[in-house]
Amino acid sequence: MSDLMNQPLLEVKDLKQHFNINMGLFKSKPLKAVDGVSFSIRKGETLGLVGESGCGKTTVGRTILHLYKPTSGEVWYNGKRIATKEDINEFRKKATMVFQDPYSSLNPRMTVSDIIGEPLDVHKLYSSKEERRERILELMGHVGLNSEHASRYAHEFSGGQRQRIGIARALAVNPDFIVCDEPVSALDVSIQAQVINMFDELQEKLGLTYLFIAHDLLVVRHISDRIAVMYLGKMVELADAEEIYNHPLHPYSKSLLSAVPVPDPKIARANQRIMLTGDIPSPLNAPSGCPFRTRCPHATKLCAESMPEFREVSSGHFVACHHMD
């Protein structure tokens, strides 16, 4: 990989996103959806972000794009911190999002042409109506839609086609970085493969960088260069995709990977499923110390007393665990 590819395009430093929840009688309590997350993504790389529902994956993506104002922490893009309104506006010309649900993320009152063209209108990225139209048709071609689809409405399309419209809209501003928020979880398995392959092709063709959020570990392994594992608002492990699959170190990562189906019956029988006991704690009442300790088979008194440091244990492999060994 060249030096240019090794430069971090995006850096997230100690990002926190807390939501105040009304508890009644004028009392509120912070829900720590994201609680001190740090990572970087190199140019042209795909970082997969995985974890259970409610662990804060989507909130990380939305907070990076400042769809939610960060409670604290820093987001750096191309060596510049995103802080002011002007920074955010410029950042959004280079960073966009593909949303999870293709049924609710598209305006039913707008034609496909208007949906894809909306970012062009917002950022004034054309000089004539003809240029706008040509750009929309070019974007539709990138995602495998025909020109006759331009005048139709979103409800006339299947789920896979709607997601293609959403991807074309995300590409409209000619971005460098895209947050993919579970973009295939609402699609049939056969369509998922087509859309994932399209993401790969677009990355190669347009030089894109992805933060790919998902809960399907097979999908993440296929598309990601590195994988980060989240639990209850915190990052517990980060490593190259093959490293995390072959040598997971955190007990939670081991449990997740033990649940991945294996097509070979002999290997599947030999694999031992690691079942977690106990309920998932609420982020409103997170346990002290390590958030995973209430379900961890190796938890000790130390785990209740302090949060383990997210540290590098081998080249590029980061883990937050007191008893990693």
C-alpha atoms as a PDB file:
ATOM      1  CA  MET A   1       0.000   0.000   0.000  1.00  0.00           C
ATOM      2  CA  SER A   2       1.401   3.429  -0.950  1.00  0.00           C
ATOM      3  CA  ASP A   3       2.200   6.208   1.538  1.00  0.00           C
ATOM      4  CA  LEU A   4      -0.856   8.087   0.267  1.00  0.00           C
ATOM      5  CA  MET A   5      -3.085   5.102   1.083  1.00  0.00           C
ATOM      6  CA  ASN A   6      -1.589   4.871   4.591  1.00  0.00           C
ATOM      7  CA  GLN A   7      -2.466   8.450   5.508  1.00  0.00           C
ATOM      8  CA  PRO A   8      -5.548   8.666   7.730  1.00  0.00           C
ATOM      9  CA  LEU A   9      -8.387  10.301   5.831  1.00  0.00           C
ATOM     10  CA  LEU A  10     -10.611  10.347   8.914  1.00  0.00           C
ATOM     11  CA  GLU A  11      -9.580  10.398  12.577  1.00  0.00           C
ATOM     12  CA  VAL A  12     -11.986  10.075  15.503  1.00  0.00           C
ATOM     13  CA  LYS A  13     -10.585  10.989  18.919  1.00  0.00           C
ATOM     14  CA  ASP A  14     -12.394  10.106  22.178  1.00  0.00           C
ATOM     15  CA  LEU A  15     -15.833  10.645  20.591  1.00  0.00           C
ATOM     16  CA  LYS A  16     -18.777  10.748  23.001  1.00  0.00           C
ATOM     17  CA  GLN A  17     -22.487  11.041  22.264  1.00  0.00           C
ATOM     18  CA  HIS A  18     -24.764  11.237  25.312  1.00  0.00           C
ATOM     19  CA  PHE A  19     -28.517  11.801  25.092  1.00  0.00           C
ATOM     20  CA  ASN A  20     -30.367  13.257  28.073  1.00  0.00           C
ATOM     21  CA  ILE A  21     -33.352  11.014  28.878  1.00  0.00           C
ATOM     22  CA  ASN A  22     -36.270  12.477  30.826  1.00  0.00           C
ATOM     23  CA  MET A  23     -36.772  10.402  33.991  1.00  0.00           C
ATOM     24  CA  GLY A  24     -39.801  12.392  35.241  1.00  0.00           C
ATOM     25  CA  LEU A  25     -40.142  15.025  37.967  1.00  0.00           C
ATOM     26  CA  PHE A  26     -37.723  17.354  36.138  1.00  0.00           C
ATOM     27  CA  LYS A  27     -34.946  14.760  36.329  1.00  0.00           C
ATOM     28  CA  SER A  28     -32.863  13.587  33.401  1.00  0.00           C
ATOM     29  CA  LYS A  29     -30.138  11.002  32.990  1.00  0.00           C
ATOM     30  CA  PRO A  30     -27.475  10.682  30.270  1.00  0.00           C
ATOM     31  CA  LEU A  31     -27.766   7.709  27.924  1.00  0.00           C
ATOM     32  CA  LYS A  32     -24.182   7.056  26.857  1.00  0.00           C
ATOM     33  CA  ALA A  33     -24.754   5.826  23.299  1.00  0.00           C
ATOM     34  CA  VAL A  34     -21.100   6.393  22.348  1.00  0.00           C
ATOM     35  CA  ASP A  35     -18.605   6.666  25.183  1.00  0.00           C
ATOM     36  CA  GLY A  36     -15.029   7.493  24.239  1.00  0.00           C
ATOM     37  CA  VAL A  37     -14.494   5.888  20.818  1.00  0.00           C
ATOM     38  CA  SER A  38     -11.224   6.478  18.907  1.00  0.00           C
ATOM     39  CA  PHE A  39     -10.081   5.152  15.511  1.00  0.00           C
ATOM     40  CA  SER A  40      -8.769   6.258  12.128  1.00  0.00           C
ATOM     41  CA  ILE A  41      -9.534   5.230   8.548  1.00  0.00           C
ATOM     42  CA  ARG A  42      -6.930   5.384   5.785  1.00  0.00           C
ATOM     43  CA  LYS A  43      -7.646   6.644   2.274  1.00  0.00           C
ATOM     44  CA  GLY A  44      -9.200   3.936   0.116  1.00  0.00           C
ATOM     45  CA  GLU A  45      -9.815   1.651   3.108  1.00  0.00           C
ATOM     46  CA  THR A  46     -12.988   0.035   4.420  1.00  0.00           C
ATOM     47  CA  LEU A  47     -13.365  -0.151   8.199  1.00  0.00           C
ATOM     48  CA  GLY A  48     -16.120  -2.523   9.297  1.00  0.00           C
ATOM     49  CA  LEU A  49     -17.923  -1.622  12.535  1.00  0.00           C
ATOM     50  CA  VAL A  50     -19.797  -4.509  14.176  1.00  0.00           C
ATOM     51  CA  GLY A  51     -21.697  -5.249  17.376  1.00  0.00           C
ATOM     52  CA  GLU A  52     -25.135  -6.084  18.735  1.00  0.00           C
ATOM     53  CA  SER A  53     -28.173  -3.898  18.110  1.00  0.00           C
ATOM     54  CA  GLY A  54     -28.090  -0.882  20.409  1.00  0.00           C
ATOM     55  CA  CYS A  55     -24.304  -0.889  20.905  1.00  0.00           C
ATOM     56  CA  GLY A  56     -23.913   2.571  19.314  1.00  0.00           C
ATOM     57  CA  LYS A  57     -22.700   1.688  15.780  1.00  0.00           C
ATOM     58  CA  THR A  58     -25.163   3.895  13.911  1.00  0.00           C
ATOM     59  CA  THR A  59     -24.727   6.728  16.418  1.00  0.00           C
ATOM     60  CA  VAL A  60     -20.971   6.696  15.710  1.00  0.00           C
ATOM     61  CA  GLY A  61     -21.631   7.124  11.979  1.00  0.00           C
ATOM     62  CA  ARG A  62     -24.188   9.878  12.432  1.00  0.00           C
ATOM     63  CA  THR A  63     -22.066  11.736  14.984  1.00  0.00           C
ATOM     64  CA  ILE A  64     -19.033  11.665  12.667  1.00  0.00           C
ATOM     65  CA  LEU A  65     -21.141  13.403   9.996  1.00  0.00           C
ATOM     66  CA  HIS A  66     -22.488  15.820  12.658  1.00  0.00           C
ATOM     67  CA  LEU A  67     -26.081  14.696  12.108  1.00  0.00           C
ATOM     68  CA  TYR A  68     -25.858  14.580  15.914  1.00  0.00           C
ATOM     69  CA  LYS A  69     -23.734  17.228  17.588  1.00  0.00           C
ATOM     70  CA  PRO A  70     -20.956  15.382  19.483  1.00  0.00           C
ATOM     71  CA  THR A  71     -21.149  15.644  23.280  1.00  0.00           C
ATOM     72  CA  SER A  72     -17.342  15.726  23.284  1.00  0.00           C
ATOM     73  CA  GLY A  73     -14.381  14.466  21.293  1.00  0.00           C
ATOM     74  CA  GLU A  74     -12.912  15.406  17.947  1.00  0.00           C
ATOM     75  CA  VAL A  75     -13.418  14.450  14.295  1.00  0.00           C
ATOM     76  CA  TRP A  76     -10.519  15.195  11.929  1.00  0.00           C
ATOM     77  CA  TYR A  77     -10.801  14.937   8.145  1.00  0.00           C
ATOM     78  CA  ASN A  78      -7.760  15.167   5.883  1.00  0.00           C
ATOM     79  CA  GLY A  79      -5.710  16.607   8.737  1.00  0.00           C
ATOM     80  CA  LYS A  80      -8.261  19.316   9.631  1.00  0.00           C
ATOM     81  CA  ARG A  81     -10.529  19.296  12.667  1.00  0.00           C
ATOM     82  CA  ILE A  82     -14.274  19.575  11.940  1.00  0.00           C
ATOM     83  CA  ALA A  83     -15.480  22.187  14.419  1.00  0.00           C
ATOM     84  CA  THR A  84     -17.316  25.191  12.922  1.00  0.00           C
ATOM     85  CA  LYS A  85     -20.457  25.352  10.753  1.00  0.00           C
ATOM     86  CA  GLU A  86     -18.264  26.196   7.757  1.00  0.00           C
ATOM     87  CA  ASP A  87     -16.117  23.108   8.448  1.00  0.00           C
ATOM     88  CA  ILE A  88     -19.236  20.924   8.629  1.00  0.00           C
ATOM     89  CA  ASN A  89     -20.630  22.319   5.353  1.00  0.00           C
ATOM     90  CA  GLU A  90     -17.326  21.690   3.571  1.00  0.00           C
ATOM     91  CA  PHE A  91     -17.039  18.229   5.175  1.00  0.00           C
ATOM     92  CA  ARG A  92     -20.498  17.250   3.896  1.00  0.00           C
ATOM     93  CA  LYS A  93     -19.372  17.910   0.330  1.00  0.00           C
ATOM     94  CA  LYS A  94     -16.796  15.145   0.794  1.00  0.00           C
ATOM     95  CA  ALA A  95     -18.578  12.821   3.248  1.00  0.00           C
ATOM     96  CA  THR A  96     -22.058  11.321   2.857  1.00  0.00           C
ATOM     97  CA  MET A  97     -24.187   8.475   4.187  1.00  0.00           C
ATOM     98  CA  VAL A  98     -26.111   5.496   2.818  1.00  0.00           C
ATOM     99  CA  PHE A  99     -28.972   4.795   5.219  1.00  0.00           C
ATOM    100  CA  GLN A 100     -30.157   1.430   6.485  1.00  0.00           C
ATOM    101  CA  ASP A 101     -33.782   1.365   5.345  1.00  0.00           C
ATOM    102  CA  PRO A 102     -34.322   2.031   1.618  1.00  0.00           C
ATOM    103  CA  TYR A 103     -38.080   2.173   2.241  1.00  0.00           C
ATOM    104  CA  SER A 104     -38.068   5.132   4.655  1.00  0.00           C
ATOM    105  CA  SER A 105     -34.939   7.039   3.572  1.00  0.00           C
ATOM    106  CA  LEU A 106     -36.371   8.086   0.178  1.00  0.00           C
ATOM    107  CA  ASN A 107     -39.023  10.795  -0.164  1.00  0.00           C
ATOM    108  CA  PRO A 108     -42.149   9.177  -1.718  1.00  0.00           C
ATOM    109  CA  ARG A 109     -43.238  12.535  -3.219  1.00  0.00           C
ATOM    110  CA  MET A 110     -40.032  12.973  -5.239  1.00  0.00           C
ATOM    111  CA  THR A 111     -39.029  11.327  -8.502  1.00  0.00           C
ATOM    112  CA  VAL A 112     -35.774   9.372  -8.696  1.00  0.00           C
ATOM    113  CA  SER A 113     -34.254  12.275 -10.634  1.00  0.00           C
ATOM    114  CA  ASP A 114     -35.125  14.766  -7.876  1.00  0.00           C
ATOM    115  CA  ILE A 115     -33.939  12.427  -5.080  1.00  0.00           C
ATOM    116  CA  ILE A 116     -30.519  11.957  -6.694  1.00  0.00           C
ATOM    117  CA  GLY A 117     -30.336  15.609  -7.755  1.00  0.00           C
ATOM    118  CA  GLU A 118     -31.158  17.052  -4.314  1.00  0.00           C
ATOM    119  CA  PRO A 119     -27.507  17.125  -3.082  1.00  0.00           C
ATOM    120  CA  LEU A 120     -26.559  18.828  -6.368  1.00  0.00           C
ATOM    121  CA  ASP A 121     -29.202  21.488  -5.661  1.00  0.00           C
ATOM    122  CA  VAL A 122     -28.168  21.974  -2.005  1.00  0.00           C
ATOM    123  CA  HIS A 123     -24.471  22.421  -2.794  1.00  0.00           C
ATOM    124  CA  LYS A 124     -25.060  24.165  -6.193  1.00  0.00           C
ATOM    125  CA  LEU A 125     -22.887  21.720  -8.094  1.00  0.00           C
ATOM    126  CA  TYR A 126     -24.102  22.472 -11.644  1.00  0.00           C
ATOM    127  CA  SER A 127     -24.247  25.482 -13.940  1.00  0.00           C
ATOM    128  CA  SER A 128     -27.210  24.495 -16.120  1.00  0.00           C
ATOM    129  CA  LYS A 129     -30.233  22.184 -16.095  1.00  0.00           C
ATOM    130  CA  GLU A 130     -28.631  20.126 -18.838  1.00  0.00           C
ATOM    131  CA  GLU A 131     -25.476  19.603 -16.746  1.00  0.00           C
ATOM    132  CA  ARG A 132     -27.656  18.587 -13.773  1.00  0.00           C
ATOM    133  CA  ARG A 133     -29.567  16.079 -15.886  1.00  0.00           C
ATOM    134  CA  GLU A 134     -26.374  14.566 -17.345  1.00  0.00           C
ATOM    135  CA  ARG A 135     -24.859  14.200 -13.871  1.00  0.00           C
ATOM    136  CA  ILE A 136     -28.007  12.441 -12.567  1.00  0.00           C
ATOM    137  CA  LEU A 137     -27.979  10.001 -15.510  1.00  0.00           C
ATOM    138  CA  GLU A 138     -24.251   9.366 -14.947  1.00  0.00           C
ATOM    139  CA  LEU A 139     -24.899   8.560 -11.265  1.00  0.00           C
ATOM    140  CA  MET A 140     -27.760   6.234 -12.185  1.00  0.00           C
ATOM    141  CA  GLY A 141     -25.416   4.434 -14.569  1.00  0.00           C
ATOM    142  CA  HIS A 142     -22.865   3.964 -11.762  1.00  0.00           C
ATOM    143  CA  VAL A 143     -25.418   2.008  -9.688  1.00  0.00           C
ATOM    144  CA  GLY A 144     -27.034   0.026 -12.501  1.00  0.00           C
ATOM    145  CA  LEU A 145     -30.253   2.037 -13.029  1.00  0.00           C
ATOM    146  CA  ASN A 146     -31.625   2.895 -16.481  1.00  0.00           C
ATOM    147  CA  SER A 147     -32.344   6.422 -17.697  1.00  0.00           C
ATOM    148  CA  GLU A 148     -36.091   5.664 -17.983  1.00  0.00           C
ATOM    149  CA  HIS A 149     -36.175   5.163 -14.198  1.00  0.00           C
ATOM    150  CA  ALA A 150     -35.454   8.883 -13.674  1.00  0.00           C
ATOM    151  CA  SER A 151     -39.083  10.038 -13.879  1.00  0.00           C
ATOM    152  CA  ARG A 152     -40.498   7.274 -11.648  1.00  0.00           C
ATOM    153  CA  TYR A 153     -41.164   7.321  -7.898  1.00  0.00           C
ATOM    154  CA  ALA A 154     -39.415   5.310  -5.181  1.00  0.00           C
ATOM    155  CA  HIS A 155     -42.477   3.153  -4.348  1.00  0.00           C
ATOM    156  CA  GLU A 156     -42.356   1.696  -7.875  1.00  0.00           C
ATOM    157  CA  PHE A 157     -39.035  -0.040  -7.145  1.00  0.00           C
ATOM    158  CA  SER A 158     -37.918  -3.122  -5.216  1.00  0.00           C
ATOM    159  CA  GLY A 159     -35.843  -2.846  -2.044  1.00  0.00           C
ATOM    160  CA  GLY A 160     -32.576  -3.502  -3.886  1.00  0.00           C
ATOM    161  CA  GLN A 161     -33.343  -0.856  -6.516  1.00  0.00           C
ATOM    162  CA  ARG A 162     -34.316   1.656  -3.832  1.00  0.00           C
ATOM    163  CA  GLN A 163     -30.998   1.111  -2.096  1.00  0.00           C
ATOM    164  CA  ARG A 164     -29.258   1.741  -5.430  1.00  0.00           C
ATOM    165  CA  ILE A 165     -31.114   5.074  -5.616  1.00  0.00           C
ATOM    166  CA  GLY A 166     -29.867   5.877  -2.096  1.00  0.00           C
ATOM    167  CA  ILE A 167     -26.299   5.007  -3.099  1.00  0.00           C
ATOM    168  CA  ALA A 168     -26.553   7.198  -6.237  1.00  0.00           C
ATOM    169  CA  ARG A 169     -27.756  10.072  -4.021  1.00  0.00           C
ATOM    170  CA  ALA A 170     -24.759   9.554  -1.708  1.00  0.00           C
ATOM    171  CA  LEU A 171     -22.410   9.680  -4.722  1.00  0.00           C
ATOM    172  CA  ALA A 172     -23.927  12.915  -6.075  1.00  0.00           C
ATOM    173  CA  VAL A 173     -21.469  15.279  -4.329  1.00  0.00           C
ATOM    174  CA  ASN A 174     -18.508  13.193  -5.584  1.00  0.00           C
ATOM    175  CA  PRO A 175     -17.520  12.205  -2.019  1.00  0.00           C
ATOM    176  CA  ASP A 176     -14.275  10.673  -0.766  1.00  0.00           C
ATOM    177  CA  PHE A 177     -15.824   9.114   2.361  1.00  0.00           C
ATOM    178  CA  ILE A 178     -19.141   7.297   2.826  1.00  0.00           C
ATOM    179  CA  VAL A 179     -20.743   6.017   6.033  1.00  0.00           C
ATOM    180  CA  CYS A 180     -22.645   2.848   5.056  1.00  0.00           C
ATOM    181  CA  ASP A 181     -25.189   2.259   7.830  1.00  0.00           C
ATOM    182  CA  GLU A 182     -26.235  -1.400   7.531  1.00  0.00           C
ATOM    183  CA  PRO A 183     -26.971  -0.799   3.822  1.00  0.00           C
ATOM    184  CA  VAL A 184     -27.894  -4.427   3.043  1.00  0.00           C
ATOM    185  CA  SER A 185     -29.609  -5.591   6.246  1.00  0.00           C
ATOM    186  CA  ALA A 186     -33.120  -4.866   4.877  1.00  0.00           C
ATOM    187  CA  LEU A 187     -32.474  -6.718   1.582  1.00  0.00           C
ATOM    188  CA  ASP A 188     -32.852 -10.350   0.477  1.00  0.00           C
ATOM    189  CA  VAL A 189     -29.659 -12.406   0.667  1.00  0.00           C
ATOM    190  CA  SER A 190     -29.339 -12.708  -3.148  1.00  0.00           C
ATOM    191  CA  ILE A 191     -29.680  -8.923  -3.514  1.00  0.00           C
ATOM    192  CA  GLN A 192     -27.231  -8.325  -0.642  1.00  0.00           C
ATOM    193  CA  ALA A 193     -24.424  -9.944  -2.643  1.00  0.00           C
ATOM    194  CA  GLN A 194     -25.132  -7.723  -5.665  1.00  0.00           C
ATOM    195  CA  VAL A 195     -25.115  -4.546  -3.587  1.00  0.00           C
ATOM    196  CA  ILE A 196     -21.935  -5.528  -1.683  1.00  0.00           C
ATOM    197  CA  ASN A 197     -20.155  -6.248  -4.987  1.00  0.00           C
ATOM    198  CA  MET A 198     -21.334  -2.877  -6.267  1.00  0.00           C
ATOM    199  CA  PHE A 199     -19.808  -1.152  -3.213  1.00  0.00           C
ATOM    200  CA  ASP A 200     -16.508  -2.928  -4.013  1.00  0.00           C
ATOM    201  CA  GLU A 201     -16.637  -1.856  -7.673  1.00  0.00           C
ATOM    202  CA  LEU A 202     -17.478   1.762  -6.802  1.00  0.00           C
ATOM    203  CA  GLN A 203     -14.617   1.876  -4.297  1.00  0.00           C
ATOM    204  CA  GLU A 204     -12.149   0.707  -6.924  1.00  0.00           C
ATOM    205  CA  LYS A 205     -13.569   2.954  -9.653  1.00  0.00           C
ATOM    206  CA  LEU A 206     -14.035   6.177  -7.635  1.00  0.00           C
ATOM    207  CA  GLY A 207     -11.377   5.763  -4.923  1.00  0.00           C
ATOM    208  CA  LEU A 208     -13.891   5.763  -2.061  1.00  0.00           C
ATOM    209  CA  THR A 209     -13.276   5.218   1.656  1.00  0.00           C
ATOM    210  CA  TYR A 210     -15.982   3.470   3.722  1.00  0.00           C
ATOM    211  CA  LEU A 211     -17.060   3.146   7.319  1.00  0.00           C
ATOM    212  CA  PHE A 212     -19.200   0.018   6.888  1.00  0.00           C
ATOM    213  CA  ILE A 213     -21.594  -0.524   9.802  1.00  0.00           C
ATOM    214  CA  ALA A 214     -23.221  -3.958  10.027  1.00  0.00           C
ATOM    215  CA  HIS A 215     -24.162  -6.801  12.357  1.00  0.00           C
ATOM    216  CA  ASP A 216     -23.640  -9.547   9.748  1.00  0.00           C
ATOM    217  CA  LEU A 217     -20.056 -10.694  10.279  1.00  0.00           C
ATOM    218  CA  LEU A 218     -19.839 -12.546   6.960  1.00  0.00           C
ATOM    219  CA  VAL A 219     -20.769  -9.395   5.040  1.00  0.00           C
ATOM    220  CA  VAL A 220     -18.254  -7.356   7.040  1.00  0.00           C
ATOM    221  CA  ARG A 221     -15.467  -9.869   6.451  1.00  0.00           C
ATOM    222  CA  HIS A 222     -16.100  -9.800   2.691  1.00  0.00           C
ATOM    223  CA  ILE A 223     -15.871  -6.025   2.291  1.00  0.00           C
ATOM    224  CA  SER A 224     -13.622  -4.790   5.149  1.00  0.00           C
ATOM    225  CA  ASP A 225      -9.870  -4.256   5.350  1.00  0.00           C
ATOM    226  CA  ARG A 226     -10.061  -3.829   9.144  1.00  0.00           C
ATOM    227  CA  ILE A 227     -12.822  -4.590  11.647  1.00  0.00           C
ATOM    228  CA  ALA A 228     -13.749  -2.783  14.869  1.00  0.00           C
ATOM    229  CA  VAL A 229     -15.995  -4.438  17.477  1.00  0.00           C
ATOM    230  CA  MET A 230     -18.261  -2.307  19.689  1.00  0.00           C
ATOM    231  CA  TYR A 231     -20.072  -3.171  22.900  1.00  0.00           C
ATOM    232  CA  LEU A 232     -22.340  -0.830  24.881  1.00  0.00           C
ATOM    233  CA  GLY A 233     -20.928   2.394  23.440  1.00  0.00           C
ATOM    234  CA  LYS A 234     -17.258   1.392  23.689  1.00  0.00           C
ATOM    235  CA  MET A 235     -14.798  -0.136  21.244  1.00  0.00           C
ATOM    236  CA  VAL A 236     -13.450  -3.451  22.569  1.00  0.00           C
ATOM    237  CA  GLU A 237     -11.302  -4.705  19.662  1.00  0.00           C
ATOM    238  CA  LEU A 238      -9.817  -3.433  16.395  1.00  0.00           C
ATOM    239  CA  ALA A 239      -7.614  -5.341  13.940  1.00  0.00           C
ATOM    240  CA  ASP A 240      -7.181  -6.409  10.313  1.00  0.00           C
ATOM    241  CA  ALA A 241     -10.157  -8.424   9.080  1.00  0.00           C
ATOM    242  CA  GLU A 242      -8.297 -11.732   8.773  1.00  0.00           C
ATOM    243  CA  GLU A 243      -6.504 -11.203  12.096  1.00  0.00           C
ATOM    244  CA  ILE A 244      -9.760 -10.627  13.979  1.00  0.00           C
ATOM    245  CA  TYR A 245     -11.360 -13.689  12.356  1.00  0.00           C
ATOM    246  CA  ASN A 246      -8.420 -15.998  12.924  1.00  0.00           C
ATOM    247  CA  HIS A 247      -7.167 -14.655  16.279  1.00  0.00           C
ATOM    248  CA  PRO A 248      -9.917 -12.787  18.176  1.00  0.00           C
ATOM    249  CA  LEU A 249      -8.670 -11.747  21.613  1.00  0.00           C
ATOM    250  CA  HIS A 250     -11.622 -10.125  23.387  1.00  0.00           C
ATOM    251  CA  PRO A 251     -14.186 -12.537  24.939  1.00  0.00           C
ATOM    252  CA  TYR A 252     -17.029 -10.657  23.221  1.00  0.00           C
ATOM    253  CA  SER A 253     -15.362 -10.902  19.791  1.00  0.00           C
ATOM    254  CA  LYS A 254     -14.814 -14.630  20.352  1.00  0.00           C
ATOM    255  CA  SER A 255     -18.493 -15.094  21.183  1.00  0.00           C
ATOM    256  CA  LEU A 256     -19.648 -13.149  18.097  1.00  0.00           C
ATOM    257  CA  LEU A 257     -17.378 -15.108  15.771  1.00  0.00           C
ATOM    258  CA  SER A 258     -18.380 -18.459  17.242  1.00  0.00           C
ATOM    259  CA  ALA A 259     -21.936 -17.727  16.036  1.00  0.00           C
ATOM    260  CA  VAL A 260     -20.918 -17.222  12.382  1.00  0.00           C
ATOM    261  CA  PRO A 261     -22.267 -20.133  10.283  1.00  0.00           C
ATOM    262  CA  VAL A 262     -19.615 -22.293   8.560  1.00  0.00           C
ATOM    263  CA  PRO A 263     -20.563 -24.029   5.252  1.00  0.00           C
ATOM    264  CA  ASP A 264     -18.377 -27.101   5.964  1.00  0.00           C
ATOM    265  CA  PRO A 265     -20.338 -29.545   8.232  1.00  0.00           C
ATOM    266  CA  LYS A 266     -17.175 -31.107   9.711  1.00  0.00           C
ATOM    267  CA  ILE A 267     -15.727 -27.734  10.735  1.00  0.00           C
ATOM    268  CA  ALA A 268     -19.148 -26.585  11.958  1.00  0.00           C
ATOM    269  CA  ARG A 269     -19.438 -29.652  14.253  1.00  0.00           C
ATOM    270  CA  ALA A 270     -15.899 -29.108  15.585  1.00  0.00           C
ATOM    271  CA  ASN A 271     -16.532 -25.418  16.336  1.00  0.00           C
ATOM    272  CA  GLN A 272     -17.808 -24.778  19.819  1.00  0.00           C
ATOM    273  CA  ARG A 273     -20.418 -22.048  20.165  1.00  0.00           C
ATOM    274  CA  ILE A 274     -19.582 -19.628  22.993  1.00  0.00           C
ATOM    275  CA  MET A 275     -22.908 -18.802  24.645  1.00  0.00           C
ATOM    276  CA  LEU A 276     -23.114 -15.616  26.698  1.00  0.00           C
ATOM    277  CA  THR A 277     -25.152 -15.643  29.898  1.00  0.00           C
ATOM    278  CA  GLY A 278     -26.956 -12.721  31.484  1.00  0.00           C
ATOM    279  CA  ASP A 279     -28.895  -9.844  29.949  1.00  0.00           C
ATOM    280  CA  ILE A 280     -27.422  -6.997  27.937  1.00  0.00           C
ATOM    281  CA  PRO A 281     -27.115  -4.032  30.337  1.00  0.00           C
ATOM    282  CA  SER A 282     -28.939  -0.814  29.479  1.00  0.00           C
ATOM    283  CA  PRO A 283     -26.698   2.087  28.385  1.00  0.00           C
ATOM    284  CA  LEU A 284     -28.765   4.136  30.867  1.00  0.00           C
ATOM    285  CA  ASN A 285     -27.439   1.961  33.703  1.00  0.00           C
ATOM    286  CA  ALA A 286     -24.120   0.703  32.377  1.00  0.00           C
ATOM    287  CA  PRO A 287     -22.076  -1.411  34.801  1.00  0.00           C
ATOM    288  CA  SER A 288     -19.007   0.093  36.437  1.00  0.00           C
ATOM    289  CA  GLY A 289     -15.600  -0.683  34.980  1.00  0.00           C
ATOM    290  CA  CYS A 290     -15.680  -2.909  31.916  1.00  0.00           C
ATOM    291  CA  PRO A 291     -19.154  -2.805  30.277  1.00  0.00           C
ATOM    292  CA  PHE A 292     -18.878  -6.483  29.264  1.00  0.00           C
ATOM    293  CA  ARG A 293     -18.102  -7.822  32.755  1.00  0.00           C
ATOM    294  CA  THR A 294     -21.744  -8.798  33.571  1.00  0.00           C
ATOM    295  CA  ARG A 295     -21.675 -11.358  30.725  1.00  0.00           C
ATOM    296  CA  CYS A 296     -17.976 -12.258  30.656  1.00  0.00           C
ATOM    297  CA  PRO A 297     -16.858 -15.721  31.875  1.00  0.00           C
ATOM    298  CA  HIS A 298     -13.440 -14.301  32.898  1.00  0.00           C
ATOM    299  CA  ALA A 299     -14.647 -11.256  34.890  1.00  0.00           C
ATOM    300  CA  THR A 300     -12.945 -10.499  38.214  1.00  0.00           C
ATOM    301  CA  LYS A 301     -13.075  -7.767  40.833  1.00  0.00           C
ATOM    302  CA  LEU A 302     -10.612  -5.699  38.770  1.00  0.00           C
ATOM    303  CA  CYS A 303     -13.106  -5.603  35.877  1.00  0.00           C
ATOM    304  CA  ALA A 304     -15.704  -3.925  38.128  1.00  0.00           C
ATOM    305  CA  GLU A 305     -13.208  -1.383  39.427  1.00  0.00           C
ATOM    306  CA  SER A 306     -11.783   0.076  36.215  1.00  0.00           C
ATOM    307  CA  MET A 307     -12.385   0.251  32.471  1.00  0.00           C
ATOM    308  CA  PRO A 308      -9.565  -1.579  30.677  1.00  0.00           C
ATOM    309  CA  GLU A 309      -7.356   0.545  28.450  1.00  0.00           C
ATOM    310  CA  PHE A 310      -7.858   0.210  24.688  1.00  0.00           C
ATOM    311  CA  ARG A 311      -4.264  -0.745  23.881  1.00  0.00           C
ATOM    312  CA  GLU A 312      -2.205  -2.145  21.025  1.00  0.00           C
ATOM    313  CA  VAL A 313      -1.135  -5.703  21.887  1.00  0.00           C
ATOM    314  CA  SER A 314       0.466  -6.530  18.529  1.00  0.00           C
ATOM    315  CA  SER A 315       0.994  -4.591  15.312  1.00  0.00           C
ATOM    316  CA  GLY A 316      -2.353  -2.981  14.451  1.00  0.00           C
ATOM    317  CA  HIS A 317      -4.321  -5.146  16.920  1.00  0.00           C
ATOM    318  CA  PHE A 318      -6.042  -3.172  19.697  1.00  0.00           C
ATOM    319  CA  VAL A 319      -7.993  -4.716  22.588  1.00  0.00           C
ATOM    320  CA  ALA A 320      -9.700  -3.412  25.757  1.00  0.00           C
ATOM    321  CA  CYS A 321      -9.523  -6.272  28.286  1.00  0.00           C
ATOM    322  CA  HIS A 322      -7.861  -6.792  31.678  1.00  0.00           C
ATOM    323  CA  HIS A 323      -7.616 -10.568  31.160  1.00  0.00           C
ATOM    324  CA  MET A 324      -6.881 -10.818  27.479  1.00  0.00           C
ATOM    325  CA  ASP A 325      -4.444 -13.693  28.043  1.00  0.00           C
END
